[in-house]
Amino acid sequence: MEDVTYTLEFEKPLRELEKQLITLNQVSKESKVDVTSEIEAIEAKIEKTKMEIYSNLTPWQRVQLSRHPKRPYSLDYIEAIFTDFEELHGDRRFREDAAIVGGPAFLDGEPVMVLGQQKGRNTRDNLKRNFGCPHPEGYRKAMRLMEMAEKFGMPVVTFVDTPGAYPGIGAEERHVAEAIAVNIRDMSALKVPIVTIVIGEGGSGGALGMAVADEVMILENGYYSVISPEGCAAILWKDRAAAPQAADALKFSPEYLAKFGVVDRVISEPTGGAHRDYESAANSLKEAIVDSLTRLKKKSLKKLLEDRYTRFRNLGEFADSAATAKA
């Protein structure tokens, strides 16, 4: 599934080596000359370069990987992990929003309700999916499906992958902030287990509107933040070009998110990112989801709701006064 034609700036040394390997293999095939030793040398150098690049990624480089156009999206994971997925449409109030997909499916034979924010692969599909930025009706559709899951006792699995909710005039007219707020309120009291995985971008309230869960996980090269790096840079530095600096300041890399308790687990990706090996990425994701749901199903309803409430109440640090803050 890998696409070597799309290269991030920090990946260029690796791509040059991969091109050399392709050329050597072609020469060997066409001329029937034995270049096994040269091929092995380049393969070893490729593996070494991979480790050097991907084991020392900066927060901004992780953001770039989270936005890779060939990265698996929600529907890719749904197809790989679940069976008999039946997509349901519409919020029963205004219209269908293709930026959020969802419906019942089976996970190892057990019924679940799976939802996800969905981006497009090309311009036409991105326009249909609104570049993964949901309208208020998308969040209302998601809540409708979660309430259906509660009615039938089905656990809920949500995939988060959005730069943020759509900020346009139409979304404001139809009360996008209210739609997100209702989801946050109602998900906190939903009487079934909820698992959320940030599979790419997790931007602002647009992400949180589908992420009030018993366990929140994130893929190794995802990010989860109150604002995008560009948005933060525009506010604090008055220049979107300062996005790499903002990414460092926001501390939204998975290791920080786990340290601060914002996420419960960081799921490893194939070296170089999930787009390099869809199957391996999906297997790791499925293993984490199954493990999480297995544990959550053992809790009583009272314990489940109490723990969910406590989880979010304990996030962050608060000071009542300047004196308290200094102390």
Protein backbone atom coordinates (compact mmCIF):
# COMPACT_ATOMS: atom_id res chain seq x y z
CA MET A 1 0.00 0.00 0.00
CA GLU A 2 3.03 2.27 0.27
CA ASP A 3 3.33 5.26 -2.04
CA VAL A 4 6.97 6.28 -2.60
CA THR A 5 5.93 9.10 -4.94
CA TYR A 6 4.77 11.18 -1.97
CA THR A 7 7.83 12.10 0.08
CA LEU A 8 8.00 14.23 3.18
CA GLU A 9 11.06 16.46 3.49
CA PHE A 10 12.65 14.45 6.28
CA GLU A 11 12.12 11.20 4.33
CA LYS A 12 14.14 12.25 1.25
CA PRO A 13 17.39 10.45 2.22
CA LEU A 14 15.43 7.22 2.62
CA ARG A 15 13.58 7.65 -0.66
CA GLU A 16 16.86 8.12 -2.55
CA LEU A 17 18.12 4.81 -1.18
CA GLU A 18 14.85 3.08 -2.09
CA LYS A 19 15.12 4.41 -5.65
CA GLN A 20 18.66 3.05 -5.86
CA LEU A 21 17.41 -0.35 -4.72
CA ILE A 22 14.67 -0.37 -7.34
CA THR A 23 17.21 0.55 -10.05
CA LEU A 24 19.62 -2.18 -8.93
CA ASN A 25 16.87 -4.81 -9.00
CA GLN A 26 15.88 -3.74 -12.51
CA VAL A 27 19.49 -3.87 -13.73
CA SER A 28 19.93 -7.32 -12.21
CA LYS A 29 16.75 -8.58 -13.87
CA GLU A 30 17.39 -7.06 -17.29
CA SER A 31 21.13 -7.73 -17.62
CA LYS A 32 21.19 -10.91 -15.53
CA VAL A 33 24.20 -9.62 -13.65
CA ASP A 34 24.62 -10.78 -10.05
CA VAL A 35 24.47 -7.69 -7.82
CA THR A 36 23.33 -9.51 -4.70
CA SER A 37 26.03 -8.01 -2.48
CA GLU A 38 25.22 -4.47 -3.63
CA ILE A 39 21.51 -5.07 -3.03
CA GLU A 40 22.14 -6.42 0.46
CA ALA A 41 24.34 -3.43 1.27
CA ILE A 42 21.65 -0.94 0.22
CA GLU A 43 18.94 -2.90 2.07
CA ALA A 44 21.04 -2.74 5.23
CA LYS A 45 21.56 0.98 4.74
CA ILE A 46 17.81 1.47 4.20
CA GLU A 47 17.01 -0.27 7.50
CA LYS A 48 19.62 1.79 9.33
CA THR A 49 18.30 5.03 7.80
CA LYS A 50 14.73 4.08 8.73
CA MET A 51 15.72 3.63 12.36
CA GLU A 52 17.64 6.93 12.39
CA ILE A 53 14.70 8.86 10.90
CA TYR A 54 11.65 7.30 12.52
CA SER A 55 13.04 6.75 16.02
CA ASN A 56 13.76 10.47 16.44
CA LEU A 57 10.69 12.17 14.99
CA THR A 58 9.88 15.70 16.12
CA PRO A 59 6.26 16.61 17.01
CA TRP A 60 5.93 18.44 13.68
CA GLN A 61 7.18 15.44 11.73
CA ARG A 62 4.56 13.27 13.47
CA VAL A 63 1.90 15.79 12.43
CA GLN A 64 3.07 15.43 8.83
CA LEU A 65 2.85 11.64 9.06
CA SER A 66 -0.62 11.87 10.62
CA ARG A 67 -1.71 13.78 7.50
CA HIS A 68 -0.04 11.50 4.95
CA PRO A 69 -2.46 11.13 2.01
CA LYS A 70 -1.93 7.37 1.89
CA ARG A 71 -2.47 6.84 5.61
CA PRO A 72 -5.31 4.39 6.41
CA TYR A 73 -8.59 6.16 7.13
CA SER A 74 -11.58 5.04 9.20
CA LEU A 75 -13.22 3.01 6.43
CA ASP A 76 -9.92 1.23 5.73
CA TYR A 77 -9.70 0.10 9.35
CA ILE A 78 -13.39 -0.78 9.50
CA GLU A 79 -13.00 -3.02 6.46
CA ALA A 80 -9.87 -4.68 7.87
CA ILE A 81 -10.99 -5.16 11.48
CA PHE A 82 -14.77 -5.67 11.42
CA THR A 83 -17.17 -7.86 9.47
CA ASP A 84 -20.68 -7.25 8.14
CA PHE A 85 -20.43 -3.49 8.57
CA GLU A 86 -23.70 -1.81 7.56
CA GLU A 87 -23.32 1.95 7.14
CA LEU A 88 -26.26 4.01 8.36
CA HIS A 89 -26.94 7.55 7.17
CA GLY A 90 -28.52 10.80 8.28
CA ASP A 91 -29.17 12.59 11.55
CA ARG A 92 -32.99 12.53 11.11
CA ARG A 93 -33.00 16.32 11.44
CA PHE A 94 -31.23 17.94 8.51
CA ARG A 95 -29.16 15.77 6.16
CA GLU A 96 -26.41 13.21 5.74
CA ASP A 97 -22.84 14.22 6.57
CA ALA A 98 -20.29 12.02 4.82
CA ALA A 99 -17.46 13.34 7.01
CA ILE A 100 -18.63 10.87 9.66
CA VAL A 101 -19.39 7.24 8.86
CA GLY A 102 -20.93 4.68 11.17
CA GLY A 103 -23.08 1.65 11.64
CA PRO A 104 -23.32 -1.78 13.30
CA ALA A 105 -20.68 -4.42 12.63
CA PHE A 106 -19.19 -7.54 14.19
CA LEU A 107 -15.85 -7.72 15.98
CA ASP A 108 -14.80 -11.37 16.25
CA GLY A 109 -18.46 -12.34 16.14
CA GLU A 110 -19.58 -9.80 18.75
CA PRO A 111 -21.89 -6.92 17.69
CA VAL A 112 -20.52 -3.38 18.07
CA MET A 113 -21.38 0.10 16.82
CA VAL A 114 -18.40 1.55 14.97
CA LEU A 115 -18.07 5.20 13.93
CA GLY A 116 -15.29 7.23 12.37
CA GLN A 117 -14.37 10.57 10.87
CA GLN A 118 -13.54 10.02 7.21
CA LYS A 119 -11.29 11.97 4.82
CA GLY A 120 -11.11 11.62 1.04
CA ARG A 121 -8.37 10.25 -1.20
CA ASN A 122 -8.82 12.73 -4.04
CA THR A 123 -10.37 16.15 -4.64
CA ARG A 124 -13.80 14.78 -5.51
CA ASP A 125 -13.91 12.50 -2.48
CA ASN A 126 -12.53 15.21 -0.21
CA LEU A 127 -15.31 17.55 -1.27
CA LYS A 128 -17.82 14.83 -0.48
CA ARG A 129 -16.19 14.17 2.91
CA ASN A 130 -15.59 17.90 3.55
CA PHE A 131 -11.89 17.12 4.10
CA GLY A 132 -12.78 15.18 7.25
CA CYS A 133 -14.32 18.25 8.95
CA PRO A 134 -17.79 17.26 10.21
CA HIS A 135 -20.86 19.49 10.13
CA PRO A 136 -23.23 19.57 13.14
CA GLU A 137 -25.45 16.97 11.48
CA GLY A 138 -22.47 14.60 11.46
CA TYR A 139 -22.18 14.78 15.22
CA ARG A 140 -25.95 14.39 15.57
CA LYS A 141 -25.82 11.31 13.35
CA ALA A 142 -23.01 9.91 15.48
CA MET A 143 -25.03 10.47 18.65
CA ARG A 144 -28.11 8.88 17.07
CA LEU A 145 -26.08 5.75 16.33
CA MET A 146 -24.55 5.68 19.80
CA GLU A 147 -28.01 5.90 21.35
CA MET A 148 -29.03 2.99 19.12
CA ALA A 149 -26.01 1.07 20.39
CA GLU A 150 -27.09 1.77 23.98
CA LYS A 151 -30.62 0.55 23.24
CA PHE A 152 -29.31 -2.80 21.98
CA GLY A 153 -26.42 -3.14 24.45
CA MET A 154 -23.67 -2.81 21.83
CA PRO A 155 -20.23 -1.43 22.75
CA VAL A 156 -19.17 1.68 20.81
CA VAL A 157 -15.86 2.05 18.94
CA THR A 158 -14.98 5.45 17.48
CA PHE A 159 -12.11 6.44 15.18
CA VAL A 160 -10.97 10.06 15.39
CA ASP A 161 -9.27 11.63 12.38
CA THR A 162 -10.12 15.29 11.85
CA PRO A 163 -8.31 18.64 11.86
CA GLY A 164 -11.46 19.98 13.54
CA ALA A 165 -15.18 20.48 13.05
CA TYR A 166 -16.22 22.54 10.02
CA PRO A 167 -16.02 26.28 10.94
CA GLY A 168 -18.20 27.60 8.10
CA ILE A 169 -21.22 29.88 8.35
CA GLY A 170 -23.69 27.05 7.66
CA ALA A 171 -22.24 24.94 10.48
CA GLU A 172 -22.50 27.90 12.86
CA GLU A 173 -26.10 28.53 11.77
CA ARG A 174 -26.95 24.92 12.58
CA HIS A 175 -25.14 25.15 15.95
CA VAL A 176 -22.02 23.02 15.57
CA ALA A 177 -20.77 23.95 19.06
CA GLU A 178 -24.08 22.84 20.57
CA ALA A 179 -23.97 19.56 18.65
CA ILE A 180 -20.46 18.81 19.97
CA ALA A 181 -21.46 19.83 23.51
CA VAL A 182 -24.48 17.50 23.43
CA ASN A 183 -22.24 14.62 22.29
CA ILE A 184 -19.80 15.30 25.12
CA ARG A 185 -22.64 15.36 27.64
CA ASP A 186 -24.48 12.32 26.35
CA MET A 187 -21.41 10.16 25.70
CA SER A 188 -20.36 10.71 29.31
CA ALA A 189 -23.57 8.96 30.42
CA LEU A 190 -23.87 6.32 27.69
CA LYS A 191 -24.62 2.97 29.32
CA VAL A 192 -22.31 0.83 27.18
CA PRO A 193 -18.49 0.59 26.93
CA ILE A 194 -16.88 3.20 24.66
CA VAL A 195 -13.41 2.93 23.11
CA THR A 196 -11.86 5.73 21.06
CA ILE A 197 -8.75 5.58 18.88
CA VAL A 198 -7.09 8.66 17.37
CA ILE A 199 -5.85 7.21 14.07
CA GLY A 200 -4.48 10.42 12.56
CA GLU A 201 -5.41 13.98 13.39
CA GLY A 202 -7.26 14.72 16.61
CA GLY A 203 -8.09 18.41 16.38
CA SER A 204 -9.95 20.41 19.01
CA GLY A 205 -13.66 19.93 19.83
CA GLY A 206 -14.09 18.27 16.45
CA ALA A 207 -12.21 15.30 17.89
CA LEU A 208 -13.60 15.50 21.42
CA GLY A 209 -17.17 15.30 20.11
CA MET A 210 -16.51 11.60 19.41
CA ALA A 211 -13.91 10.88 22.08
CA VAL A 212 -15.59 10.89 25.50
CA ALA A 213 -14.71 7.26 26.09
CA ASP A 214 -13.81 4.78 28.80
CA GLU A 215 -10.45 4.29 27.12
CA VAL A 216 -8.81 6.63 24.63
CA MET A 217 -5.93 5.33 22.52
CA ILE A 218 -3.77 6.90 19.85
CA LEU A 219 -1.66 5.54 17.03
CA GLU A 220 2.04 6.24 17.36
CA ASN A 221 2.06 8.90 14.63
CA GLY A 222 -1.20 10.60 15.50
CA TYR A 223 -1.73 13.81 17.42
CA TYR A 224 -4.47 14.98 19.78
CA SER A 225 -4.66 18.66 20.60
CA VAL A 226 -6.88 21.57 21.57
CA ILE A 227 -5.82 23.31 18.34
CA SER A 228 -3.86 22.55 15.18
CA PRO A 229 -0.20 23.67 15.04
CA GLU A 230 -1.05 26.16 12.28
CA GLY A 231 -3.93 27.61 14.30
CA CYS A 232 -1.76 27.96 17.39
CA ALA A 233 1.04 29.58 15.36
CA ALA A 234 -1.38 32.08 13.82
CA ILE A 235 -2.59 33.13 17.27
CA LEU A 236 0.67 33.18 19.25
CA TRP A 237 3.26 33.97 16.58
CA LYS A 238 0.97 35.74 14.10
CA ASP A 239 2.46 33.48 11.43
CA ARG A 240 1.30 30.01 10.37
CA ALA A 241 4.88 29.28 9.29
CA ALA A 242 5.69 28.89 12.98
CA ALA A 243 3.68 25.64 13.06
CA PRO A 244 6.75 23.45 13.85
CA GLN A 245 7.50 25.66 16.87
CA ALA A 246 3.84 25.48 17.94
CA ALA A 247 3.86 21.68 17.64
CA ASP A 248 6.77 21.55 20.11
CA ALA A 249 5.03 23.92 22.53
CA LEU A 250 1.69 22.08 22.46
CA LYS A 251 3.22 18.84 23.81
CA PHE A 252 0.71 16.72 21.90
CA SER A 253 2.99 13.88 20.85
CA PRO A 254 1.75 10.46 22.02
CA GLU A 255 4.40 10.10 24.72
CA TYR A 256 3.28 13.38 26.34
CA LEU A 257 -0.40 12.51 25.97
CA ALA A 258 0.18 9.20 27.76
CA LYS A 259 2.28 10.90 30.47
CA PHE A 260 -0.44 13.47 31.16
CA GLY A 261 -3.22 10.85 31.11
CA VAL A 262 -4.96 12.28 28.06
CA VAL A 263 -4.67 8.89 26.33
CA ASP A 264 -4.54 5.48 27.96
CA ARG A 265 -2.45 3.68 25.37
CA VAL A 266 -0.13 4.41 22.46
CA ILE A 267 -0.44 1.84 19.66
CA SER A 268 2.74 1.12 17.71
CA GLU A 269 2.78 1.55 13.93
CA PRO A 270 4.94 -0.14 11.29
CA THR A 271 8.29 1.62 10.88
CA GLY A 272 7.70 4.67 8.72
CA GLY A 273 3.99 4.95 9.46
CA ALA A 274 0.73 3.03 9.08
CA HIS A 275 0.61 3.79 5.33
CA ARG A 276 3.58 1.48 4.79
CA ASP A 277 1.73 -1.62 5.97
CA TYR A 278 -2.06 -1.41 6.26
CA GLU A 279 -2.42 -5.00 7.44
CA SER A 280 0.10 -4.73 10.25
CA ALA A 281 -1.38 -1.41 11.43
CA ALA A 282 -4.92 -2.86 11.40
CA ASN A 283 -3.81 -5.96 13.33
CA SER A 284 -2.22 -3.84 16.07
CA LEU A 285 -5.34 -1.69 16.23
CA LYS A 286 -7.67 -4.67 16.43
CA GLU A 287 -5.62 -6.27 19.19
CA ALA A 288 -5.82 -3.07 21.25
CA ILE A 289 -9.59 -2.70 20.70
CA VAL A 290 -10.35 -6.31 21.62
CA ASP A 291 -8.17 -6.08 24.73
CA SER A 292 -9.84 -2.86 25.82
CA LEU A 293 -13.41 -4.07 25.28
CA THR A 294 -12.69 -7.37 27.02
CA ARG A 295 -11.69 -5.50 30.17
CA LEU A 296 -14.46 -2.91 30.00
CA LYS A 297 -17.18 -5.54 29.60
CA LYS A 298 -16.20 -7.02 32.96
CA LYS A 299 -17.15 -3.81 34.79
CA SER A 300 -20.58 -3.26 36.25
CA LEU A 301 -22.57 -0.40 34.72
CA LYS A 302 -22.14 1.68 37.87
CA LYS A 303 -18.37 1.16 37.88
CA LEU A 304 -18.14 1.85 34.14
CA LEU A 305 -19.87 5.23 34.44
CA GLU A 306 -18.04 6.21 37.61
CA ASP A 307 -14.64 5.46 36.07
CA ARG A 308 -15.51 7.35 32.88
CA TYR A 309 -16.56 10.39 34.92
CA THR A 310 -13.44 10.21 37.09
CA ARG A 311 -11.17 9.83 34.08
CA PHE A 312 -12.19 13.17 32.58
CA ARG A 313 -12.52 15.00 35.91
CA ASN A 314 -8.89 14.17 36.70
CA LEU A 315 -7.46 15.55 33.45
CA GLY A 316 -5.39 18.71 33.73
CA GLU A 317 -4.14 20.84 36.60
CA PHE A 318 -6.01 23.79 38.06
CA ALA A 319 -5.04 26.72 40.29
CA ASP A 320 -7.51 28.83 42.26
CA SER A 321 -5.19 31.80 42.59
CA ALA A 322 -1.83 33.21 41.58
CA ALA A 323 -0.44 32.15 44.97
CA THR A 324 -1.67 28.59 44.47
CA ALA A 325 -0.20 28.52 40.98
CA LYS A 326 3.23 29.59 42.31
CA ALA A 327 3.09 27.00 45.06
